[in-house]
Amino acid sequence: MSNKWKYVMGLFFKKRESTKRTKPFILIGYLMRILMGLTLILVIINDFNFNYIKYIILLLGIDSIIDGFERFFKKGK
């Protein structure tokens, strides 16, 4: 990769240290993924009704917010 590309990628993405997730957050993550899978199955069953896609995007956003909370709580310790 060129240095310019690394610089641009560094503006948007930060290296983060991998931390072990706690059990409640692992459980919440699995439940969110199960709900997303079920919603995707509903989309396929209902002839690709894209109104359900907004729920998948909403669940992805909630999962991201929960991940942020977990990182915030880990930094506090």
PDB file of N, CA and C in Angstrom:
ATOM      1  N   MET A   1       0.835  -1.181   0.000  1.00  0.00           N
ATOM      2  CA  MET A   1       0.000   0.000   0.000  1.00  0.00           C
ATOM      3  C   MET A   1       0.880   1.245   0.000  1.00  0.00           C
ATOM      4  N   SER A   2       0.391   2.244  -0.642  1.00  0.00           N
ATOM      5  CA  SER A   2       1.146   3.488  -0.645  1.00  0.00           C
ATOM      6  C   SER A   2       0.918   4.228   0.667  1.00  0.00           C
ATOM      7  N   ASN A   3       1.810   5.140   0.956  1.00  0.00           N
ATOM      8  CA  ASN A   3       1.705   5.898   2.201  1.00  0.00           C
ATOM      9  C   ASN A   3       0.476   6.793   2.215  1.00  0.00           C
ATOM     10  N   LYS A   4       0.099   7.305   1.041  1.00  0.00           N
ATOM     11  CA  LYS A   4      -1.092   8.160   0.969  1.00  0.00           C
ATOM     12  C   LYS A   4      -2.336   7.351   1.335  1.00  0.00           C
ATOM     13  N   TRP A   5      -2.415   6.130   0.824  1.00  0.00           N
ATOM     14  CA  TRP A   5      -3.571   5.275   1.116  1.00  0.00           C
ATOM     15  C   TRP A   5      -3.620   4.933   2.601  1.00  0.00           C
ATOM     16  N   LYS A   6      -2.461   4.646   3.210  1.00  0.00           N
ATOM     17  CA  LYS A   6      -2.412   4.355   4.646  1.00  0.00           C
ATOM     18  C   LYS A   6      -2.854   5.555   5.460  1.00  0.00           C
ATOM     19  N   TYR A   7      -2.466   6.739   5.013  1.00  0.00           N
ATOM     20  CA  TYR A   7      -2.873   7.962   5.710  1.00  0.00           C
ATOM     21  C   TYR A   7      -4.387   8.138   5.655  1.00  0.00           C
ATOM     22  N   VAL A   8      -4.963   7.940   4.470  1.00  0.00           N
ATOM     23  CA  VAL A   8      -6.410   8.095   4.309  1.00  0.00           C
ATOM     24  C   VAL A   8      -7.152   7.052   5.147  1.00  0.00           C
ATOM     25  N   MET A   9      -6.673   5.816   5.139  1.00  0.00           N
ATOM     26  CA  MET A   9      -7.314   4.770   5.937  1.00  0.00           C
ATOM     27  C   MET A   9      -7.181   5.075   7.426  1.00  0.00           C
ATOM     28  N   GLY A  10      -6.059   5.671   7.823  1.00  0.00           N
ATOM     29  CA  GLY A  10      -5.862   6.021   9.223  1.00  0.00           C
ATOM     30  C   GLY A  10      -6.809   7.105   9.698  1.00  0.00           C
ATOM     31  N   LEU A  11      -7.292   7.939   8.783  1.00  0.00           N
ATOM     32  CA  LEU A  11      -8.254   8.969   9.164  1.00  0.00           C
ATOM     33  C   LEU A  11      -9.597   8.371   9.561  1.00  0.00           C
ATOM     34  N   PHE A  12      -9.964   7.283   8.904  1.00  0.00           N
ATOM     35  CA  PHE A  12     -11.284   6.704   9.127  1.00  0.00           C
ATOM     36  C   PHE A  12     -11.286   5.523  10.087  1.00  0.00           C
ATOM     37  N   PHE A  13     -10.192   4.792  10.146  1.00  0.00           N
ATOM     38  CA  PHE A  13     -10.145   3.588  10.965  1.00  0.00           C
ATOM     39  C   PHE A  13      -9.008   3.685  11.959  1.00  0.00           C
ATOM     40  N   LYS A  14      -9.299   3.329  13.181  1.00  0.00           N
ATOM     41  CA  LYS A  14      -8.312   3.334  14.238  1.00  0.00           C
ATOM     42  C   LYS A  14      -8.024   1.902  14.636  1.00  0.00           C
ATOM     43  N   LYS A  15      -6.765   1.608  14.917  1.00  0.00           N
ATOM     44  CA  LYS A  15      -6.466   0.279  15.423  1.00  0.00           C
ATOM     45  C   LYS A  15      -6.987   0.193  16.846  1.00  0.00           C
ATOM     46  N   ARG A  16      -7.660  -0.884  17.124  1.00  0.00           N
ATOM     47  CA  ARG A  16      -8.181  -1.040  18.475  1.00  0.00           C
ATOM     48  C   ARG A  16      -7.634  -2.328  19.075  1.00  0.00           C
ATOM     49  N   GLU A  17      -7.418  -2.262  20.347  1.00  0.00           N
ATOM     50  CA  GLU A  17      -6.911  -3.442  21.031  1.00  0.00           C
ATOM     51  C   GLU A  17      -8.063  -4.425  21.218  1.00  0.00           C
ATOM     52  N   SER A  18      -7.768  -5.675  21.001  1.00  0.00           N
ATOM     53  CA  SER A  18      -8.818  -6.680  21.146  1.00  0.00           C
ATOM     54  C   SER A  18      -8.934  -7.030  22.635  1.00  0.00           C
ATOM     55  N   THR A  19     -10.128  -6.885  23.132  1.00  0.00           N
ATOM     56  CA  THR A  19     -10.390  -7.208  24.526  1.00  0.00           C
ATOM     57  C   THR A  19     -11.391  -8.346  24.577  1.00  0.00           C
ATOM     58  N   LYS A  20     -11.325  -9.084  25.644  1.00  0.00           N
ATOM     59  CA  LYS A  20     -12.258 -10.192  25.806  1.00  0.00           C
ATOM     60  C   LYS A  20     -13.627  -9.627  26.171  1.00  0.00           C
ATOM     61  N   ARG A  21     -14.632 -10.108  25.496  1.00  0.00           N
ATOM     62  CA  ARG A  21     -15.988  -9.628  25.754  1.00  0.00           C
ATOM     63  C   ARG A  21     -16.558 -10.323  26.981  1.00  0.00           C
ATOM     64  N   THR A  22     -17.424  -9.623  27.680  1.00  0.00           N
ATOM     65  CA  THR A  22     -18.062 -10.199  28.859  1.00  0.00           C
ATOM     66  C   THR A  22     -19.291 -10.998  28.427  1.00  0.00           C
ATOM     67  N   LYS A  23     -19.714 -11.910  29.285  1.00  0.00           N
ATOM     68  CA  LYS A  23     -20.803 -12.828  28.925  1.00  0.00           C
ATOM     69  C   LYS A  23     -22.125 -12.132  28.597  1.00  0.00           C
ATOM     70  N   PRO A  24     -22.538 -11.106  29.345  1.00  0.00           N
ATOM     71  CA  PRO A  24     -23.810 -10.470  28.962  1.00  0.00           C
ATOM     72  C   PRO A  24     -23.771  -9.850  27.561  1.00  0.00           C
ATOM     73  N   PHE A  25     -22.630  -9.255  27.214  1.00  0.00           N
ATOM     74  CA  PHE A  25     -22.538  -8.642  25.893  1.00  0.00           C
ATOM     75  C   PHE A  25     -22.447  -9.692  24.797  1.00  0.00           C
ATOM     76  N   ILE A  26     -21.830 -10.833  25.084  1.00  0.00           N
ATOM     77  CA  ILE A  26     -21.796 -11.925  24.114  1.00  0.00           C
ATOM     78  C   ILE A  26     -23.214 -12.438  23.872  1.00  0.00           C
ATOM     79  N   LEU A  27     -23.979 -12.601  24.938  1.00  0.00           N
ATOM     80  CA  LEU A  27     -25.358 -13.081  24.827  1.00  0.00           C
ATOM     81  C   LEU A  27     -26.213 -12.097  24.031  1.00  0.00           C
ATOM     82  N   ILE A  28     -26.069 -10.813  24.327  1.00  0.00           N
ATOM     83  CA  ILE A  28     -26.838  -9.797  23.594  1.00  0.00           C
ATOM     84  C   ILE A  28     -26.457  -9.820  22.116  1.00  0.00           C
ATOM     85  N   GLY A  29     -25.161  -9.974  21.825  1.00  0.00           N
ATOM     86  CA  GLY A  29     -24.715 -10.028  20.432  1.00  0.00           C
ATOM     87  C   GLY A  29     -25.306 -11.210  19.690  1.00  0.00           C
ATOM     88  N   TYR A  30     -25.325 -12.370  20.342  1.00  0.00           N
ATOM     89  CA  TYR A  30     -25.911 -13.554  19.704  1.00  0.00           C
ATOM     90  C   TYR A  30     -27.407 -13.369  19.470  1.00  0.00           C
ATOM     91  N   LEU A  31     -28.103 -12.803  20.439  1.00  0.00           N
ATOM     92  CA  LEU A  31     -29.542 -12.574  20.267  1.00  0.00           C
ATOM     93  C   LEU A  31     -29.817 -11.605  19.117  1.00  0.00           C
ATOM     94  N   MET A  32     -28.981 -10.574  19.010  1.00  0.00           N
ATOM     95  CA  MET A  32     -29.164  -9.611  17.917  1.00  0.00           C
ATOM     96  C   MET A  32     -28.933 -10.287  16.564  1.00  0.00           C
ATOM     97  N   ARG A  33     -27.933 -11.144  16.488  1.00  0.00           N
ATOM     98  CA  ARG A  33     -27.654 -11.831  15.222  1.00  0.00           C
ATOM     99  C   ARG A  33     -28.769 -12.811  14.865  1.00  0.00           C
ATOM    100  N   ILE A  34     -29.335 -13.467  15.870  1.00  0.00           N
ATOM    101  CA  ILE A  34     -30.468 -14.365  15.623  1.00  0.00           C
ATOM    102  C   ILE A  34     -31.665 -13.573  15.104  1.00  0.00           C
ATOM    103  N   LEU A  35     -31.931 -12.413  15.722  1.00  0.00           N
ATOM    104  CA  LEU A  35     -33.039 -11.571  15.254  1.00  0.00           C
ATOM    105  C   LEU A  35     -32.802 -11.085  13.829  1.00  0.00           C
ATOM    106  N   MET A  36     -31.565 -10.735  13.510  1.00  0.00           N
ATOM    107  CA  MET A  36     -31.260 -10.304  12.139  1.00  0.00           C
ATOM    108  C   MET A  36     -31.464 -11.453  11.149  1.00  0.00           C
ATOM    109  N   GLY A  37     -31.066 -12.653  11.536  1.00  0.00           N
ATOM    110  CA  GLY A  37     -31.259 -13.814  10.671  1.00  0.00           C
ATOM    111  C   GLY A  37     -32.732 -14.108  10.449  1.00  0.00           C
ATOM    112  N   LEU A  38     -33.522 -14.039  11.512  1.00  0.00           N
ATOM    113  CA  LEU A  38     -34.961 -14.269  11.366  1.00  0.00           C
ATOM    114  C   LEU A  38     -35.615 -13.203  10.497  1.00  0.00           C
ATOM    115  N   THR A  39     -35.171 -11.966  10.653  1.00  0.00           N
ATOM    116  CA  THR A  39     -35.702 -10.893   9.824  1.00  0.00           C
ATOM    117  C   THR A  39     -35.326 -11.104   8.360  1.00  0.00           C
ATOM    118  N   LEU A  40     -34.113 -11.581   8.119  1.00  0.00           N
ATOM    119  CA  LEU A  40     -33.698 -11.865   6.745  1.00  0.00           C
ATOM    120  C   LEU A  40     -34.536 -12.988   6.147  1.00  0.00           C
ATOM    121  N   ILE A  41     -34.857 -13.979   6.953  1.00  0.00           N
ATOM    122  CA  ILE A  41     -35.729 -15.058   6.479  1.00  0.00           C
ATOM    123  C   ILE A  41     -37.112 -14.506   6.146  1.00  0.00           C
ATOM    124  N   LEU A  42     -37.618 -13.581   6.972  1.00  0.00           N
ATOM    125  CA  LEU A  42     -38.907 -12.946   6.669  1.00  0.00           C
ATOM    126  C   LEU A  42     -38.863 -12.190   5.348  1.00  0.00           C
ATOM    127  N   VAL A  43     -37.735 -11.528   5.088  1.00  0.00           N
ATOM    128  CA  VAL A  43     -37.590 -10.801   3.830  1.00  0.00           C
ATOM    129  C   VAL A  43     -37.674 -11.766   2.656  1.00  0.00           C
ATOM    130  N   ILE A  44     -37.016 -12.902   2.766  1.00  0.00           N
ATOM    131  CA  ILE A  44     -37.020 -13.878   1.676  1.00  0.00           C
ATOM    132  C   ILE A  44     -38.408 -14.487   1.495  1.00  0.00           C
ATOM    133  N   ILE A  45     -39.075 -14.792   2.615  1.00  0.00           N
ATOM    134  CA  ILE A  45     -40.410 -15.391   2.538  1.00  0.00           C
ATOM    135  C   ILE A  45     -41.417 -14.428   1.919  1.00  0.00           C
ATOM    136  N   ASN A  46     -41.316 -13.153   2.248  1.00  0.00           N
ATOM    137  CA  ASN A  46     -42.286 -12.162   1.759  1.00  0.00           C
ATOM    138  C   ASN A  46     -41.846 -11.531   0.436  1.00  0.00           C
ATOM    139  N   ASP A  47     -41.270 -12.337  -0.431  1.00  0.00           N
ATOM    140  CA  ASP A  47     -40.899 -11.890  -1.783  1.00  0.00           C
ATOM    141  C   ASP A  47     -40.007 -10.653  -1.756  1.00  0.00           C
ATOM    142  N   PHE A  48     -38.999 -10.694  -0.913  1.00  0.00           N
ATOM    143  CA  PHE A  48     -38.013  -9.619  -0.787  1.00  0.00           C
ATOM    144  C   PHE A  48     -38.663  -8.272  -0.537  1.00  0.00           C
ATOM    145  N   ASN A  49     -39.570  -8.261   0.426  1.00  0.00           N
ATOM    146  CA  ASN A  49     -40.200  -7.023   0.860  1.00  0.00           C
ATOM    147  C   ASN A  49     -39.148  -6.192   1.596  1.00  0.00           C
ATOM    148  N   PHE A  50     -38.727  -5.119   0.994  1.00  0.00           N
ATOM    149  CA  PHE A  50     -37.622  -4.335   1.537  1.00  0.00           C
ATOM    150  C   PHE A  50     -38.011  -3.476   2.735  1.00  0.00           C
ATOM    151  N   ASN A  51     -39.279  -3.511   3.135  1.00  0.00           N
ATOM    152  CA  ASN A  51     -39.663  -2.796   4.347  1.00  0.00           C
ATOM    153  C   ASN A  51     -39.040  -3.422   5.589  1.00  0.00           C
ATOM    154  N   TYR A  52     -38.726  -4.716   5.513  1.00  0.00           N
ATOM    155  CA  TYR A  52     -38.103  -5.395   6.643  1.00  0.00           C
ATOM    156  C   TYR A  52     -36.609  -5.093   6.754  1.00  0.00           C
ATOM    157  N   ILE A  53     -36.013  -4.636   5.663  1.00  0.00           N
ATOM    158  CA  ILE A  53     -34.580  -4.350   5.666  1.00  0.00           C
ATOM    159  C   ILE A  53     -34.259  -3.254   6.684  1.00  0.00           C
ATOM    160  N   LYS A  54     -35.182  -2.317   6.893  1.00  0.00           N
ATOM    161  CA  LYS A  54     -34.927  -1.246   7.860  1.00  0.00           C
ATOM    162  C   LYS A  54     -34.753  -1.805   9.273  1.00  0.00           C
ATOM    163  N   TYR A  55     -35.406  -2.929   9.565  1.00  0.00           N
ATOM    164  CA  TYR A  55     -35.230  -3.534  10.884  1.00  0.00           C
ATOM    165  C   TYR A  55     -33.850  -4.172  11.023  1.00  0.00           C
ATOM    166  N   ILE A  56     -33.338  -4.731   9.941  1.00  0.00           N
ATOM    167  CA  ILE A  56     -31.983  -5.287   9.981  1.00  0.00           C
ATOM    168  C   ILE A  56     -30.975  -4.165  10.201  1.00  0.00           C
ATOM    169  N   ILE A  57     -31.150  -3.055   9.493  1.00  0.00           N
ATOM    170  CA  ILE A  57     -30.247  -1.913   9.659  1.00  0.00           C
ATOM    171  C   ILE A  57     -30.363  -1.350  11.062  1.00  0.00           C
ATOM    172  N   LEU A  58     -31.571  -1.291  11.595  1.00  0.00           N
ATOM    173  CA  LEU A  58     -31.767  -0.808  12.967  1.00  0.00           C
ATOM    174  C   LEU A  58     -31.067  -1.722  13.974  1.00  0.00           C
ATOM    175  N   LEU A  59     -31.176  -3.025  13.796  1.00  0.00           N
ATOM    176  CA  LEU A  59     -30.510  -3.967  14.695  1.00  0.00           C
ATOM    177  C   LEU A  59     -28.989  -3.853  14.586  1.00  0.00           C
ATOM    178  N   LEU A  60     -28.475  -3.621  13.385  1.00  0.00           N
ATOM    179  CA  LEU A  60     -27.035  -3.417  13.226  1.00  0.00           C
ATOM    180  C   LEU A  60     -26.577  -2.163  13.966  1.00  0.00           C
ATOM    181  N   GLY A  61     -27.371  -1.111  13.901  1.00  0.00           N
ATOM    182  CA  GLY A  61     -27.039   0.122  14.625  1.00  0.00           C
ATOM    183  C   GLY A  61     -27.066  -0.078  16.129  1.00  0.00           C
ATOM    184  N   ILE A  62     -28.059  -0.785  16.620  1.00  0.00           N
ATOM    185  CA  ILE A  62     -28.150  -1.061  18.053  1.00  0.00           C
ATOM    186  C   ILE A  62     -26.979  -1.918  18.506  1.00  0.00           C
ATOM    187  N   ASP A  63     -26.593  -2.888  17.688  1.00  0.00           N
ATOM    188  CA  ASP A  63     -25.439  -3.739  18.009  1.00  0.00           C
ATOM    189  C   ASP A  63     -24.160  -2.906  18.092  1.00  0.00           C
ATOM    190  N   SER A  64     -24.015  -1.953  17.194  1.00  0.00           N
ATOM    191  CA  SER A  64     -22.848  -1.083  17.213  1.00  0.00           C
ATOM    192  C   SER A  64     -22.835  -0.200  18.456  1.00  0.00           C
ATOM    193  N   ILE A  65     -23.992   0.311  18.847  1.00  0.00           N
ATOM    194  CA  ILE A  65     -24.082   1.149  20.049  1.00  0.00           C
ATOM    195  C   ILE A  65     -23.749   0.327  21.291  1.00  0.00           C
ATOM    196  N   ILE A  66     -24.237  -0.900  21.354  1.00  0.00           N
ATOM    197  CA  ILE A  66     -23.938  -1.774  22.492  1.00  0.00           C
ATOM    198  C   ILE A  66     -22.450  -2.070  22.557  1.00  0.00           C
ATOM    199  N   ASP A  67     -21.816  -2.276  21.393  1.00  0.00           N
ATOM    200  CA  ASP A  67     -20.370  -2.501  21.357  1.00  0.00           C
ATOM    201  C   ASP A  67     -19.627  -1.269  21.876  1.00  0.00           C
ATOM    202  N   GLY A  68     -20.110  -0.092  21.531  1.00  0.00           N
ATOM    203  CA  GLY A  68     -19.511   1.142  22.041  1.00  0.00           C
ATOM    204  C   GLY A  68     -19.634   1.261  23.551  1.00  0.00           C
ATOM    205  N   PHE A  69     -20.799   0.902  24.087  1.00  0.00           N
ATOM    206  CA  PHE A  69     -20.981   0.922  25.543  1.00  0.00           C
ATOM    207  C   PHE A  69     -20.017  -0.043  26.228  1.00  0.00           C
ATOM    208  N   GLU A  70     -19.855  -1.209  25.638  1.00  0.00           N
ATOM    209  CA  GLU A  70     -18.955  -2.191  26.236  1.00  0.00           C
ATOM    210  C   GLU A  70     -17.527  -1.662  26.262  1.00  0.00           C
ATOM    211  N   ARG A  71     -17.083  -1.054  25.173  1.00  0.00           N
ATOM    212  CA  ARG A  71     -15.731  -0.492  25.148  1.00  0.00           C
ATOM    213  C   ARG A  71     -15.580   0.632  26.167  1.00  0.00           C
ATOM    214  N   PHE A  72     -16.625   1.455  26.310  1.00  0.00           N
ATOM    215  CA  PHE A  72     -16.585   2.549  27.273  1.00  0.00           C
ATOM    216  C   PHE A  72     -16.464   2.004  28.699  1.00  0.00           C
ATOM    217  N   PHE A  73     -17.228   0.965  29.015  1.00  0.00           N
ATOM    218  CA  PHE A  73     -17.166   0.383  30.351  1.00  0.00           C
ATOM    219  C   PHE A  73     -15.827  -0.304  30.604  1.00  0.00           C
ATOM    220  N   LYS A  74     -15.253  -0.907  29.553  1.00  0.00           N
ATOM    221  CA  LYS A  74     -13.935  -1.547  29.696  1.00  0.00           C
ATOM    222  C   LYS A  74     -12.844  -0.512  29.947  1.00  0.00           C
ATOM    223  N   LYS A  75     -12.956   0.669  29.318  1.00  0.00           N
ATOM    224  CA  LYS A  75     -11.945   1.713  29.522  1.00  0.00           C
ATOM    225  C   LYS A  75     -12.016   2.257  30.935  1.00  0.00           C
ATOM    226  N   GLY A  76     -13.210   2.281  31.511  1.00  0.00           N
ATOM    227  CA  GLY A  76     -13.395   2.818  32.855  1.00  0.00           C
ATOM    228  C   GLY A  76     -12.764   1.957  33.928  1.00  0.00           C
ATOM    229  N   LYS A  77     -12.571   0.686  33.645  1.00  0.00           N
ATOM    230  CA  LYS A  77     -12.015  -0.217  34.656  1.00  0.00           C
ATOM    231  C   LYS A  77     -10.527  -0.130  34.741  1.00  0.00           C
TER     232      LYS A  77
END
